[in-house]
């Protein structure tokens, strides 16, 4: 999984009517599927596990941008948390990336307004 963060944030910023989290979810799903102009429902479906979006929301609320900037290391993941959220290591890292991009989008929006 390789997400171009700059491109994802630019795409998320272009979706001014979406929350930072929803915009980040759509931007990541578009990169992973190589499809454009997904709706939020299409993006969540494209991630193939709706728990990814739920976990991303949880991580956005409970972790700071600085905490999320640490690369997702699949070997150090909390397996109990993964079982609780019904995600595998790849899904967890996608949620982690979405949460980081949501924070980055929110910060950019605040600087622009």
Protein backbone atom coordinates (compact mmCIF):
# COMPACT_ATOMS: atom_id res chain seq x y z
CA UNK A 1 0.00 0.00 0.00
CA UNK A 2 1.46 3.28 -1.07
CA UNK A 3 -0.48 6.49 -0.58
CA UNK A 4 0.80 9.76 -1.98
CA UNK A 5 0.03 11.98 1.02
CA UNK A 6 0.43 15.28 -0.81
CA UNK A 7 -1.91 14.18 -3.56
CA UNK A 8 -4.41 12.80 -1.01
CA UNK A 9 -4.43 16.04 0.99
CA UNK A 10 -4.87 18.11 -2.21
CA UNK A 11 -7.79 15.89 -3.19
CA UNK A 12 -9.30 16.10 0.32
CA UNK A 13 -8.99 19.89 0.31
CA UNK A 14 -10.90 19.99 -2.96
CA UNK A 15 -13.87 18.35 -1.20
CA UNK A 16 -14.80 21.39 0.87
CA UNK A 17 -18.29 20.08 1.65
CA UNK A 18 -16.93 16.90 3.26
CA UNK A 19 -15.53 16.62 6.77
CA UNK A 20 -11.75 16.15 6.89
CA UNK A 21 -12.23 12.49 7.87
CA UNK A 22 -14.71 11.76 5.07
CA UNK A 23 -12.57 13.63 2.53
CA UNK A 24 -9.47 11.69 3.61
CA UNK A 25 -11.37 8.39 3.38
CA UNK A 26 -12.48 9.21 -0.16
CA UNK A 27 -9.00 10.39 -1.20
CA UNK A 28 -7.35 7.21 0.07
CA UNK A 29 -9.97 4.95 -1.52
CA UNK A 30 -9.57 6.77 -4.84
CA UNK A 31 -5.81 6.19 -4.79
CA UNK A 32 -6.14 2.53 -3.79
CA UNK A 33 -8.78 1.79 -6.44
CA UNK A 34 -7.48 4.23 -9.09
CA UNK A 35 -11.07 5.51 -9.49
CA UNK A 36 -12.09 9.17 -9.44
CA UNK A 37 -14.97 11.04 -7.83
CA UNK A 38 -16.09 8.34 -5.39
CA UNK A 39 -18.87 9.11 -2.94
CA UNK A 40 -18.24 8.34 0.71
CA UNK A 41 -20.36 5.19 0.48
CA UNK A 42 -18.45 4.05 -2.60
CA UNK A 43 -15.14 4.79 -0.87
CA UNK A 44 -16.06 2.79 2.23
CA UNK A 45 -17.24 -0.09 0.03
CA UNK A 46 -14.01 0.10 -2.01
CA UNK A 47 -11.98 -0.35 1.18
CA UNK A 48 -13.71 -3.75 1.47
CA UNK A 49 -14.11 -3.48 5.25
CA UNK A 50 -16.34 -0.78 6.73
CA UNK A 51 -14.44 -1.17 9.99
CA UNK A 52 -11.50 0.64 8.35
CA UNK A 53 -13.52 3.86 8.21
CA UNK A 54 -14.77 3.36 11.76
CA UNK A 55 -11.25 2.72 13.05
CA UNK A 56 -9.96 5.76 11.15
CA UNK A 57 -12.55 7.87 12.95
CA UNK A 58 -11.48 6.45 16.30
CA UNK A 59 -7.80 7.08 15.57
CA UNK A 60 -8.57 10.62 14.41
CA UNK A 61 -10.31 11.35 17.70
CA UNK A 62 -7.83 9.63 20.00
CA UNK A 63 -4.44 10.34 18.44
CA UNK A 64 -2.69 13.55 17.57
CA UNK A 65 -1.26 14.31 14.17
CA UNK A 66 2.24 13.90 15.63
CA UNK A 67 1.38 10.42 16.97
CA UNK A 68 -0.02 9.43 13.59
CA UNK A 69 3.03 10.70 11.70
CA UNK A 70 4.95 7.68 12.99
CA UNK A 71 4.82 5.14 10.15
CA UNK A 72 2.43 2.25 10.66
CA UNK A 73 4.58 -0.71 11.62
CA UNK A 74 2.58 -3.91 11.24
CA UNK A 75 4.88 -5.83 13.59
CA UNK A 76 4.12 -3.51 16.51
CA UNK A 77 0.35 -3.41 16.21
CA UNK A 78 -1.95 -4.15 19.13
CA UNK A 79 -3.46 -7.49 18.10
CA UNK A 80 -6.22 -7.23 20.69
CA UNK A 81 -7.27 -3.91 19.16
CA UNK A 82 -7.18 -5.41 15.66
CA UNK A 83 -9.47 -8.26 16.77
CA UNK A 84 -11.79 -5.77 18.47
CA UNK A 85 -12.01 -3.66 15.29
CA UNK A 86 -12.13 -6.72 12.99
CA UNK A 87 -9.20 -5.56 10.86
CA UNK A 88 -5.97 -7.15 9.68
CA UNK A 89 -2.60 -5.35 9.75
CA UNK A 90 -3.07 -3.92 6.23
CA UNK A 91 -6.53 -2.58 7.11
CA UNK A 92 -5.18 -1.06 10.33
CA UNK A 93 -2.45 0.76 8.41
CA UNK A 94 -5.01 2.09 5.91
CA UNK A 95 -7.10 3.42 8.82
CA UNK A 96 -3.96 4.92 10.35
CA UNK A 97 -3.15 6.69 7.07
CA UNK A 98 -6.72 7.99 6.70
CA UNK A 99 -6.60 9.37 10.25
CA UNK A 100 -3.29 11.12 9.58
CA UNK A 101 -4.60 12.60 6.33
CA UNK A 102 -7.75 13.79 8.11
CA UNK A 103 -5.59 15.68 10.62
CA UNK A 104 -3.42 17.10 7.84
CA UNK A 105 -6.50 18.19 5.88
CA UNK A 106 -8.04 19.84 8.93
CA UNK A 107 -4.82 21.75 9.66
CA UNK A 108 -4.55 22.95 6.05
CA UNK A 109 -8.19 24.05 6.02
CA UNK A 110 -7.70 26.03 9.24
CA UNK A 111 -4.66 27.80 7.77
CA UNK A 112 -6.58 28.69 4.62
CA UNK A 113 -9.64 30.12 6.38
